[in-house]
């Protein structure tokens, strides 16, 4: 399972009634209330809107270009990005706004640079957690922590839910293997969409064991994966659309 999981992490339907029924009402209601508050500025006074974050990121980049003496292009070096523009000081929410081209404010070069910086955040976190490469479970847990530090727009995306589930399964598998007889620390989110994707990885492992050709089995074909996608569409997709994510 881990080889397939690593490929999935590195890469970047059932009815609504059936999907919603699969989650316990209390856990879903609790999560829905929390996410609603976290994802919209209307119920979270003082938090910047996604558009405000994008506009401020645009101003930040433009200020950096004035120091650089040119706009970013394919030839913009790492020294330009980190020494002059200083993209690394942007928080993850701002980077996500750039990486997803929120509002159509950003160029392809800027989108690529923001995605690279987001990947660097995870790389630095895993390196700090496992500097010698001898504690893969610690590195995997660091990936979980990075994903949990995402902003509301990113956490409302289907991509985040799928990556978060994959990171959770990978950590739990590595921690259990590394510390036999001791349960892995709980890294559950309470997010029913993520829970469905986690369950799908378990179904995937079982399906591979019974399949004649393991390579013909895909996690995306598992029942719980479809439930996760359906549940996300019913709850998060309208929010994501309103935030300019779709």
Protein backbone atom coordinates (compact mmCIF):
# COMPACT_ATOMS: atom_id res chain seq x y z
CA UNK A 1 0.00 0.00 0.00
CA UNK A 2 2.81 2.43 0.84
CA UNK A 3 4.27 2.44 -2.68
CA UNK A 4 0.87 3.30 -4.11
CA UNK A 5 0.34 5.85 -1.36
CA UNK A 6 3.67 7.53 -2.03
CA UNK A 7 2.85 7.78 -5.73
CA UNK A 8 -0.50 9.30 -4.87
CA UNK A 9 0.90 11.87 -2.42
CA UNK A 10 3.70 12.80 -4.81
CA UNK A 11 1.37 13.38 -7.79
CA UNK A 12 -0.84 15.75 -7.22
CA UNK A 13 -20.95 8.46 -7.57
CA UNK A 14 -22.95 7.60 -4.84
CA UNK A 15 -25.98 9.79 -4.04
CA UNK A 16 -25.83 12.58 -1.48
CA UNK A 17 -28.29 10.73 0.71
CA UNK A 18 -26.18 7.57 0.69
CA UNK A 19 -22.99 9.51 1.36
CA UNK A 20 -24.42 11.59 4.17
CA UNK A 21 -25.92 8.51 5.80
CA UNK A 22 -22.49 6.88 5.99
CA UNK A 23 -21.24 9.56 8.39
CA UNK A 24 -22.58 9.69 11.90
CA UNK A 25 -24.90 12.71 12.20
CA UNK A 26 -23.28 14.02 15.34
CA UNK A 27 -19.74 14.03 13.93
CA UNK A 28 -20.91 15.52 10.65
CA UNK A 29 -23.00 18.24 12.31
CA UNK A 30 -20.13 19.15 14.62
CA UNK A 31 -17.66 19.35 11.76
CA UNK A 32 -20.06 21.25 9.51
CA UNK A 33 -20.58 23.91 12.13
CA UNK A 34 -16.83 24.30 12.67
CA UNK A 35 -16.00 24.39 8.98
CA UNK A 36 -18.75 26.87 8.22
CA UNK A 37 -17.28 29.26 10.74
CA UNK A 38 -13.73 28.66 9.53
CA UNK A 39 -14.45 29.00 5.83
CA UNK A 40 -16.49 32.18 5.58
CA UNK A 41 -15.60 35.65 6.71
CA UNK A 42 -19.26 36.46 7.36
CA UNK A 43 -19.23 34.26 10.46
CA UNK A 44 -15.65 34.96 11.41
CA UNK A 45 -15.30 38.72 11.96
CA UNK A 46 -11.80 40.06 11.56
CA UNK A 47 -10.61 37.34 9.20
CA UNK A 48 -9.59 38.52 5.77
CA UNK A 49 -11.62 37.30 2.84
CA UNK A 50 -10.01 35.15 0.17
CA UNK A 51 -10.13 38.11 -2.22
CA UNK A 52 -8.38 40.38 0.28
CA UNK A 53 -5.65 37.79 0.76
CA UNK A 54 -5.18 37.52 -3.03
CA UNK A 55 -5.06 41.29 -3.54
CA UNK A 56 -2.48 41.69 -0.76
CA UNK A 57 -0.40 38.87 -2.27
CA UNK A 58 -0.57 40.66 -5.62
CA UNK A 59 0.68 43.89 -4.02
CA UNK A 60 3.45 41.97 -2.24
CA UNK A 61 4.72 40.47 -5.49
CA UNK A 62 4.53 43.79 -7.32
CA UNK A 63 6.58 45.45 -4.57
CA UNK A 64 9.16 42.69 -4.94
CA UNK A 65 9.31 43.20 -8.70
CA UNK A 66 9.99 46.89 -8.23
CA UNK A 67 13.03 45.96 -6.13
CA UNK A 68 14.02 43.37 -8.70
CA UNK A 69 13.61 45.82 -11.57
CA UNK A 70 11.47 43.48 -13.66
CA UNK A 71 8.40 41.27 -13.53
CA UNK A 72 8.81 37.55 -12.95
CA UNK A 73 9.31 35.39 -15.99
CA UNK A 74 10.68 31.97 -16.86
CA UNK A 75 14.19 33.25 -16.16
CA UNK A 76 13.54 34.44 -12.63
CA UNK A 77 16.11 32.73 -10.42
CA UNK A 78 15.77 31.21 -6.97
CA UNK A 79 17.85 34.11 -5.67
CA UNK A 80 15.35 36.53 -7.22
CA UNK A 81 12.39 34.79 -5.59
CA UNK A 82 13.97 34.35 -2.17
CA UNK A 83 16.59 37.09 -1.96
CA UNK A 84 14.72 40.02 -3.51
CA UNK A 85 11.01 39.19 -3.78
CA UNK A 86 11.16 37.05 -0.60
CA UNK A 87 8.24 34.81 -1.47
CA UNK A 88 9.17 32.61 1.49
CA UNK A 89 7.80 35.12 4.02
CA UNK A 90 4.26 34.80 2.68
CA UNK A 91 1.99 32.62 4.81
CA UNK A 92 0.44 29.47 3.42
CA UNK A 93 -2.93 31.11 2.79
CA UNK A 94 -1.33 33.79 0.59
CA UNK A 95 0.74 31.18 -1.23
CA UNK A 96 -2.41 29.14 -1.86
CA UNK A 97 -4.16 32.19 -3.30
CA UNK A 98 -1.28 32.58 -5.76
CA UNK A 99 -0.96 28.86 -6.47
CA UNK A 100 -4.65 28.65 -7.39
CA UNK A 101 -4.61 31.95 -9.29
CA UNK A 102 -7.39 33.37 -7.15
CA UNK A 103 -9.33 35.98 -9.07
CA UNK A 104 -7.11 35.54 -12.12
CA UNK A 105 -4.55 37.90 -10.57
CA UNK A 106 -1.45 35.79 -11.05
CA UNK A 107 0.72 34.64 -13.93
CA UNK A 108 1.68 31.06 -14.71
CA UNK A 109 5.20 31.82 -13.49
CA UNK A 110 3.87 33.08 -10.16
CA UNK A 111 1.56 30.09 -9.78
CA UNK A 112 4.48 27.74 -10.37
CA UNK A 113 6.66 29.61 -7.86
CA UNK A 114 3.95 29.53 -5.18
CA UNK A 115 3.40 25.80 -5.66
CA UNK A 116 7.14 25.23 -5.36
CA UNK A 117 7.25 27.26 -2.16
CA UNK A 118 4.34 25.28 -0.68
CA UNK A 119 6.21 22.07 -1.47
CA UNK A 120 9.29 23.56 0.20
CA UNK A 121 7.32 24.22 3.39
CA UNK A 122 6.55 20.51 3.62
CA UNK A 123 10.11 19.52 2.69
CA UNK A 124 11.56 21.74 5.42
CA UNK A 125 9.10 20.42 7.98
CA UNK A 126 9.84 16.77 7.22
CA UNK A 127 13.59 17.44 7.20
CA UNK A 128 13.38 19.12 10.58
CA UNK A 129 11.34 16.23 11.99
CA UNK A 130 13.68 13.59 10.54
CA UNK A 131 17.09 15.21 9.87
CA UNK A 132 18.96 11.90 9.60
CA UNK A 133 16.35 10.06 7.57
CA UNK A 134 15.92 7.46 10.29
CA UNK A 135 12.48 8.47 11.58
CA UNK A 136 10.10 8.23 8.62
CA UNK A 137 7.07 8.21 10.91
CA UNK A 138 8.12 11.56 12.36
CA UNK A 139 8.53 12.95 8.85
CA UNK A 140 5.09 11.66 7.89
CA UNK A 141 3.57 13.24 10.98
CA UNK A 142 5.19 16.54 10.01
CA UNK A 143 3.41 16.35 6.66
CA UNK A 144 0.13 15.92 8.52
CA UNK A 145 0.92 19.01 10.61
CA UNK A 146 1.71 21.07 7.52
CA UNK A 147 -1.60 20.14 5.92
CA UNK A 148 -3.42 20.93 9.16
CA UNK A 149 -1.90 24.42 8.99
CA UNK A 150 -3.64 25.19 5.71
CA UNK A 151 -6.03 28.11 5.37
CA UNK A 152 -9.82 27.80 5.01
CA UNK A 153 -9.82 27.98 1.21
CA UNK A 154 -7.27 25.19 0.89
CA UNK A 155 -9.01 23.03 3.49
CA UNK A 156 -12.27 23.38 1.57
CA UNK A 157 -10.66 21.86 -1.53
CA UNK A 158 -11.05 18.25 -2.60
CA UNK A 159 -7.31 18.04 -3.18
CA UNK A 160 -6.60 18.92 0.46
CA UNK A 161 -9.02 16.28 1.79
CA UNK A 162 -7.45 13.58 -0.38
CA UNK A 163 -3.89 14.56 0.52
CA UNK A 164 -4.77 14.81 4.20
CA UNK A 165 -6.22 11.31 4.18
CA UNK A 166 -3.20 9.89 2.36
CA UNK A 167 -0.83 11.58 4.82
CA UNK A 168 -2.79 10.20 7.77
CA UNK A 169 -2.74 6.65 6.43
CA UNK A 170 0.97 6.87 5.64
CA UNK A 171 1.83 8.15 9.12
CA UNK A 172 -0.26 5.53 10.88
CA UNK A 173 1.26 2.74 8.80
CA UNK A 174 4.84 3.89 9.34
CA UNK A 175 4.34 4.55 13.06
CA UNK A 176 2.80 1.13 13.61
CA UNK A 177 5.59 -0.59 11.68
CA UNK A 178 8.31 1.37 13.47
CA UNK A 179 6.92 0.91 16.96
CA UNK A 180 5.45 -2.57 16.95
CA UNK A 181 2.96 -3.20 19.71
CA UNK A 182 2.34 0.50 20.24
CA UNK A 183 -0.53 2.38 18.63
CA UNK A 184 0.26 5.41 16.51
CA UNK A 185 -0.68 8.83 17.83
CA UNK A 186 -4.14 9.96 16.79
CA UNK A 187 -4.04 12.37 13.85
CA UNK A 188 -7.70 12.17 12.93
CA UNK A 189 -9.38 15.37 11.76
CA UNK A 190 -13.03 14.78 12.60
CA UNK A 191 -13.68 15.67 8.96
CA UNK A 192 -16.10 13.08 7.50
CA UNK A 193 -14.81 13.64 3.96
CA UNK A 194 -11.25 12.86 5.05
CA UNK A 195 -12.56 9.89 7.03
CA UNK A 196 -14.11 8.41 3.87
CA UNK A 197 -10.84 8.73 1.98
CA UNK A 198 -8.94 7.12 4.87
CA UNK A 199 -11.38 4.23 4.78
CA UNK A 200 -10.90 3.97 1.02
CA UNK A 201 -7.18 3.33 1.52
CA UNK A 202 -8.08 0.39 3.77
CA UNK A 203 -10.46 -0.94 1.13
CA UNK A 204 -7.72 -0.51 -1.45
CA UNK A 205 -5.32 -2.65 0.57
CA UNK A 206 -7.87 -5.44 0.87
CA UNK A 207 -8.79 -5.25 -2.81
CA UNK A 208 -5.13 -5.56 -3.80
CA UNK A 209 -4.79 -8.70 -1.70
CA UNK A 210 -7.58 -10.41 -3.64
CA UNK A 211 -6.80 -9.04 -7.09
CA UNK A 212 -4.96 -11.14 -9.69
CA UNK A 213 -3.18 -8.01 -10.87
CA UNK A 214 -2.55 -5.55 -8.04
CA UNK A 215 -1.67 -2.79 -10.49
CA UNK A 216 -5.21 -2.91 -11.87
CA UNK A 217 -6.66 -1.81 -8.52
CA UNK A 218 -6.89 1.90 -7.80
CA UNK A 219 -7.86 3.67 -4.59
CA UNK A 220 -10.11 6.00 -6.58
CA UNK A 221 -12.27 2.98 -7.48
CA UNK A 222 -13.04 2.09 -3.87
CA UNK A 223 -16.62 2.62 -2.55
CA UNK A 224 -15.57 4.95 0.24
CA UNK A 225 -13.64 7.13 -2.21
CA UNK A 226 -16.84 7.78 -4.15
CA UNK A 227 -18.64 8.53 -0.89
CA UNK A 228 -15.95 11.03 0.06
CA UNK A 229 -16.19 12.82 -3.28
CA UNK A 230 -20.01 12.91 -3.08
CA UNK A 231 -19.95 14.26 0.44
CA UNK A 232 -17.41 16.93 -0.53
CA UNK A 233 -19.58 17.98 -3.48
CA UNK A 234 -22.65 18.29 -1.27
CA UNK A 235 -20.99 20.41 1.39
CA UNK A 236 -17.72 21.96 0.24
CA UNK A 237 -18.22 22.48 -3.49
CA UNK A 238 -20.69 25.38 -3.08
CA UNK A 239 -18.24 27.08 -0.69
CA UNK A 240 -15.30 26.41 -3.01
CA UNK A 241 -17.24 27.88 -5.93
CA UNK A 242 -18.11 30.97 -3.93
CA UNK A 243 -14.43 31.38 -3.04
CA UNK A 244 -13.42 31.16 -6.68
CA UNK A 245 -11.94 27.70 -6.33
CA UNK A 246 -13.94 25.99 -9.10
